[in-house]
Protein backbone atom coordinates (compact mmCIF):
# COMPACT_ATOMS: atom_id res chain seq x y z
CA MET A 1 5.37 4.04 7.53
CA LYS A 2 2.68 1.78 9.07
CA TYR A 3 0.80 1.81 5.75
CA LEU A 4 3.95 0.98 3.82
CA LYS A 5 4.82 -1.85 6.24
CA ASN A 6 1.35 -3.38 5.84
CA LEU A 7 1.57 -3.01 2.09
CA ILE A 8 4.96 -4.72 1.93
CA LEU A 9 3.57 -7.55 4.07
CA PHE A 10 0.65 -8.00 1.67
CA LEU A 11 3.00 -8.10 -1.31
CA LEU A 12 5.36 -10.52 0.43
CA VAL A 13 2.52 -12.97 1.01
CA THR A 14 1.48 -12.56 -2.63
CA ALA A 15 5.02 -13.39 -3.70
CA LEU A 16 5.14 -16.46 -1.45
CA PHE A 17 1.89 -17.74 -2.93
CA THR A 18 3.26 -17.17 -6.44
CA ALA A 19 6.39 -19.11 -5.57
CA CYS A 20 4.34 -22.03 -4.30
CA LYS A 21 2.32 -22.15 -7.53
CA ASN A 22 5.29 -21.80 -9.85
CA LYS A 23 8.17 -23.53 -8.07
CA THR A 24 10.33 -26.09 -9.80
CA GLN A 25 10.45 -29.71 -8.66
CA PHE A 26 12.33 -30.55 -5.46
CA VAL A 27 12.66 -33.82 -3.54
CA SER A 28 11.21 -31.95 -0.56
CA ASP A 29 8.11 -30.62 -2.33
CA LYS A 30 5.78 -32.18 0.25
CA HIS A 31 7.46 -30.44 3.17
CA TYR A 32 7.51 -27.12 1.34
CA ILE A 33 3.80 -27.35 0.54
CA ASN A 34 3.08 -28.35 4.14
CA GLY A 35 5.10 -25.39 5.34
CA PHE A 36 3.22 -23.05 3.05
CA ASN A 37 -0.14 -24.34 4.33
CA TYR A 38 0.96 -23.87 7.95
CA PHE A 39 2.10 -20.37 7.02
CA LEU A 40 -1.36 -19.53 5.71
CA ASP A 41 -2.84 -20.80 8.99
CA ASN A 42 -0.49 -18.46 10.90
CA ASN A 43 1.18 -21.49 12.45
CA PHE A 44 4.66 -20.16 11.85
CA ASP A 45 6.49 -22.44 14.28
CA GLN A 46 5.16 -25.54 12.51
CA ALA A 47 5.85 -23.98 9.12
CA ILE A 48 9.49 -23.47 10.14
CA ILE A 49 9.73 -27.14 11.06
CA GLU A 50 8.42 -28.15 7.62
CA PHE A 51 10.67 -25.72 5.75
CA ASN A 52 13.66 -27.00 7.71
CA LEU A 53 12.69 -30.57 6.80
CA SER A 54 12.61 -29.55 3.14
CA ILE A 55 16.14 -28.17 3.56
CA LYS A 56 17.26 -31.33 5.38
CA ASP A 57 16.03 -33.45 2.46
CA ASP A 58 17.78 -31.15 0.00
CA PRO A 59 20.33 -28.67 1.43
CA LYS A 60 20.28 -26.84 -1.90
CA ASN A 61 16.54 -26.23 -1.72
CA ALA A 62 16.40 -22.46 -2.11
CA PHE A 63 12.63 -22.50 -1.72
CA GLY A 64 12.93 -23.92 1.77
CA TYR A 65 15.10 -20.99 2.81
CA TYR A 66 12.69 -18.69 1.03
CA GLY A 67 9.80 -19.98 3.15
CA LEU A 68 11.85 -19.65 6.31
CA GLY A 69 12.44 -15.99 5.54
CA TYR A 70 8.72 -15.25 5.59
CA CYS A 71 8.13 -17.16 8.80
CA TYR A 72 10.93 -15.43 10.66
CA TYR A 73 9.61 -12.07 9.54
CA HIS A 74 6.17 -12.85 10.97
CA LEU A 75 7.78 -13.90 14.22
CA GLY A 76 9.51 -10.51 14.36
CA ASP A 77 13.00 -11.83 13.69
CA ASN A 78 14.12 -9.77 10.71
CA GLU A 79 17.75 -10.83 11.15
CA LYS A 80 16.90 -14.51 10.67
CA ALA A 81 14.57 -13.57 7.81
CA ASP A 82 17.40 -11.65 6.19
CA SER A 83 19.81 -14.56 6.67
CA ALA A 84 17.40 -17.14 5.21
CA LEU A 85 16.64 -15.08 2.12
CA THR A 86 20.33 -14.33 1.58
CA LYS A 87 20.96 -18.10 1.63
CA ALA A 88 18.15 -18.64 -0.90
CA ILE A 89 19.77 -16.12 -3.24
CA GLU A 90 23.22 -17.67 -2.70
CA ILE A 91 21.88 -21.08 -3.75
CA LYS A 92 19.79 -19.72 -6.61
CA PRO A 93 21.26 -16.44 -7.92
CA ASP A 94 18.42 -16.01 -10.42
CA PHE A 95 15.72 -16.41 -7.75
CA VAL A 96 13.54 -13.43 -8.66
CA LEU A 97 11.08 -13.81 -5.81
CA ALA A 98 13.83 -14.14 -3.22
CA TYR A 99 15.34 -10.82 -4.31
CA TYR A 100 11.89 -9.28 -4.09
CA ALA A 101 11.29 -10.73 -0.62
CA GLU A 102 14.71 -9.56 0.55
CA GLY A 103 13.79 -6.08 -0.63
CA GLY A 104 10.67 -6.27 1.51
CA VAL A 105 12.65 -7.33 4.57
CA LYS A 106 15.16 -4.51 4.01
CA ASN A 107 12.23 -2.10 3.88
CA LEU A 108 10.92 -3.42 7.18
CA LYS A 109 14.39 -2.95 8.67
CA GLY A 110 14.34 0.68 7.53
CA ASP A 111 17.08 0.33 4.91
CA ASP A 112 15.46 2.06 1.92
CA ASN A 113 18.51 2.02 -0.33
CA ALA A 114 19.07 -1.70 0.19
CA ALA A 115 15.38 -2.33 -0.49
CA ILE A 116 15.64 -0.42 -3.77
CA TYR A 117 18.71 -2.48 -4.69
CA TYR A 118 16.92 -5.80 -4.18
CA PHE A 119 13.74 -4.71 -5.90
CA THR A 120 15.89 -3.56 -8.82
CA LYS A 121 17.63 -6.96 -8.92
CA SER A 122 14.27 -8.69 -9.18
CA ILE A 123 13.28 -6.34 -12.02
CA ASP A 124 16.59 -6.96 -13.80
CA LEU A 125 15.82 -10.67 -13.73
CA ASN A 126 12.17 -10.25 -14.72
CA SER A 127 11.34 -6.96 -16.41
CA ASP A 128 7.60 -7.76 -16.27
CA TYR A 129 7.50 -8.12 -12.49
CA ALA A 130 4.84 -5.50 -11.73
CA LEU A 131 4.90 -5.93 -7.94
CA ALA A 132 8.63 -5.19 -7.87
CA TYR A 133 8.11 -1.93 -9.75
CA TYR A 134 5.32 -1.08 -7.32
CA SER A 135 7.41 -1.72 -4.22
CA ARG A 136 10.45 0.07 -5.63
CA GLY A 137 8.25 3.03 -6.49
CA ALA A 138 6.99 3.17 -2.91
CA GLU A 139 10.60 3.18 -1.71
CA TYR A 140 11.57 5.98 -4.08
CA ALA A 141 8.65 8.03 -2.80
CA HIS A 142 9.66 7.37 0.79
CA ILE A 143 13.15 8.78 0.21
CA GLY A 144 11.67 11.80 -1.59
CA ASN A 145 12.22 10.89 -5.23
CA GLN A 146 8.65 11.40 -6.40
CA GLN A 147 9.51 11.43 -10.11
CA LYS A 148 11.17 8.03 -10.03
CA ALA A 149 8.24 6.76 -7.97
CA ILE A 150 5.83 7.96 -10.65
CA GLU A 151 7.92 6.33 -13.38
CA ASP A 152 7.79 3.00 -11.56
CA MET A 153 4.01 3.26 -11.17
CA ASP A 154 3.84 3.94 -14.93
CA GLU A 155 5.59 0.60 -15.44
CA VAL A 156 3.17 -1.15 -13.09
CA ILE A 157 0.14 0.23 -14.91
CA LYS A 158 1.56 -0.79 -18.32
CA ARG A 159 1.73 -4.37 -17.06
CA ARG A 160 -1.30 -4.39 -14.74
CA PRO A 161 -3.84 -1.79 -15.87
CA ASP A 162 -6.34 -3.32 -13.44
CA PHE A 163 -4.13 -2.77 -10.36
CA TYR A 164 -5.96 0.12 -8.72
CA MET A 165 -3.36 0.51 -5.96
CA ALA A 166 -0.84 1.68 -8.57
CA TYR A 167 -3.15 4.49 -9.70
CA SER A 168 -3.73 5.44 -6.06
CA ALA A 169 -0.01 5.57 -5.34
CA ARG A 170 0.80 7.46 -8.53
CA GLY A 171 -1.92 9.96 -7.71
CA ALA A 172 -0.40 10.55 -4.27
CA PHE A 173 3.05 11.04 -5.77
CA LYS A 174 1.70 13.49 -8.33
CA ARG A 175 -0.01 15.35 -5.51
CA ASN A 176 3.36 15.61 -3.78
CA LEU A 177 4.65 17.35 -6.93
CA ASN A 178 1.61 19.69 -6.94
CA ASP A 179 0.18 18.05 -10.06
CA ILE A 180 -3.40 18.33 -8.83
CA ASN A 181 -5.06 17.52 -12.15
CA GLY A 182 -2.83 14.48 -12.61
CA ALA A 183 -3.67 13.26 -9.12
CA ILE A 184 -7.40 13.74 -9.72
CA SER A 185 -7.13 11.76 -12.94
CA ASP A 186 -5.42 8.86 -11.18
CA TYR A 187 -7.89 8.85 -8.29
CA SER A 188 -10.68 8.77 -10.86
CA GLU A 189 -9.11 5.64 -12.37
CA VAL A 190 -9.08 4.05 -8.93
CA LEU A 191 -12.81 4.70 -8.58
CA LYS A 192 -13.52 3.17 -11.98
CA LEU A 193 -11.82 -0.01 -10.80
CA ASN A 194 -12.97 0.14 -7.17
CA PRO A 195 -16.18 2.21 -6.94
CA ALA A 196 -16.60 1.73 -3.18
CA ASN A 197 -13.17 3.09 -2.27
CA VAL A 198 -14.03 5.55 0.49
CA THR A 199 -10.50 6.93 0.79
CA MET A 200 -10.43 7.87 -2.88
CA TYR A 201 -13.69 9.80 -2.69
CA PHE A 202 -12.30 11.69 0.29
CA SER A 203 -8.91 12.33 -1.33
CA ARG A 204 -10.33 13.31 -4.71
CA GLY A 205 -12.89 15.55 -3.00
CA VAL A 206 -10.16 17.44 -1.16
CA LEU A 207 -8.23 17.85 -4.41
CA TYR A 208 -11.31 19.12 -6.22
CA GLY A 209 -11.61 21.68 -3.43
CA GLU A 210 -8.00 22.75 -3.82
CA ASN A 211 -8.70 23.07 -7.53
CA LYS A 212 -11.68 25.35 -6.75
CA GLN A 213 -14.11 22.80 -8.20
CA TYR A 214 -16.28 23.13 -5.13
CA GLN A 215 -19.41 21.32 -6.26
CA LEU A 216 -17.39 18.29 -7.36
CA ALA A 217 -15.61 18.43 -4.01
CA VAL A 218 -18.92 18.42 -2.11
CA ASN A 219 -20.21 15.57 -4.26
CA ASP A 220 -17.19 13.38 -3.52
CA LEU A 221 -17.12 14.14 0.19
CA SER A 222 -20.85 13.42 0.41
CA LYS A 223 -20.20 10.08 -1.27
CA ALA A 224 -17.48 9.30 1.28
CA ILE A 225 -19.94 10.09 4.08
CA ALA A 226 -22.60 7.92 2.47
CA LEU A 227 -20.09 5.07 2.41
CA GLN A 228 -19.59 5.60 6.15
CA THR A 229 -16.05 6.87 6.18
CA ASP A 230 -14.38 7.00 9.59
CA MET A 231 -12.36 10.06 8.53
CA HIS A 232 -14.22 12.70 10.54
CA THR A 233 -12.39 15.57 8.86
CA VAL A 234 -14.65 14.88 5.88
CA PHE A 235 -17.33 17.03 7.58
CA LEU A 236 -14.94 19.92 8.04
CA TYR A 237 -13.81 19.81 4.41
CA ARG A 238 -17.34 19.51 3.11
CA GLY A 239 -18.36 22.46 5.25
CA ILE A 240 -15.52 24.54 3.84
CA TYR A 241 -16.54 23.84 0.25
CA GLU A 242 -20.25 24.29 0.98
CA ASN A 243 -19.38 27.67 2.43
CA ASP A 244 -17.45 28.50 -0.76
CA LEU A 245 -20.61 27.65 -2.70
CA GLY A 246 -22.70 29.96 -0.51
CA MET A 247 -24.47 27.10 1.27
CA LYS A 248 -24.04 28.72 4.66
CA ASP A 249 -26.55 26.65 6.65
CA LEU A 250 -25.24 23.35 5.32
CA ALA A 251 -21.68 24.49 5.96
CA CYS A 252 -22.47 25.40 9.57
CA ALA A 253 -24.18 22.05 10.12
CA ASP A 254 -21.03 20.29 8.93
CA PHE A 255 -18.77 22.48 11.05
CA GLN A 256 -20.93 21.64 14.08
CA LYS A 257 -20.75 17.94 13.23
CA ALA A 258 -16.97 18.11 12.87
CA LYS A 259 -16.72 19.88 16.22
CA ALA A 260 -18.88 17.26 17.90
CA LEU A 261 -16.60 14.56 16.51
CA GLY A 262 -13.53 16.27 17.90
CA VAL A 263 -12.00 17.39 14.61
CA PRO A 264 -9.11 19.83 15.28
CA ASN A 265 -9.87 23.48 14.36
CA ALA A 266 -13.55 22.76 13.77
CA ASP A 267 -14.47 25.08 16.64
CA ASP A 268 -12.66 27.95 14.86
CA TYR A 269 -14.91 27.47 11.81
CA VAL A 270 -18.03 27.35 13.98
CA THR A 271 -17.01 30.61 15.67
CA LYS A 272 -16.12 32.32 12.40
CA TYR A 273 -18.93 31.21 10.10
CA CYS A 274 -21.88 30.23 12.25
CA ALA A 275 -23.94 33.03 13.80
CA GLN A 276 -25.36 30.57 16.30
CA PRO A 277 -25.15 26.82 16.93
CA ILE A 278 -27.36 24.80 14.66
CA VAL A 279 -29.71 22.55 16.59
CA LYS A 280 -30.67 19.29 14.95
């Protein structure tokens, strides 16, 4: 859930920036822009003052309420965030970004079904809104509907074939459905777009191992190590696949390394496969 929360936050900020670039003209434009700039500086209290001034100048300024919603979220007040975004939608019922933002707040409040509803509303209003498909897909996955999650990632990729996070998510959802080859294919797409993605080398390496493609597994895990991954289990996995390839000494060295790093169960592998500790 921590990953999903951070992801939603990233997408909310992206949506706010989009709104600022594409908003229609309001009498209170200056205050809104000031509020947005304070928001980017993490000065949320001052941003709230500016957004409230924009609303004072024009009580029907949906964008002012929209900005307030983000600020209140960052201050940890999801109720006020919810209220402000609801007001934005009430004033401007076709406010695509406000529906999207409200979906994000519902997610952060733990209401998955409400989040899906609001993300769907934003998609209904703008069928090309890739971020809304992405966020809705993440929600579907969280409630266990992996197939719908995959279908939403398909829609994201149709619209944003360069959005590597969609391939990463779709790969994870396919993995949840035991589609190992499909997951490997998606992780490979991630690495084409983001060649230094340590997590993808690790994840694809583990999947290659599950698929009994041991040399490819070792290659990917070695790449993750070369990129200085902080996932210490990489040594345990590489040792397992080296052992499957008959590379006993290399496997034992990795099991010893994993043990030294405190990886759970590494000691069992050392005891089972290593005749004696390997001294480096």
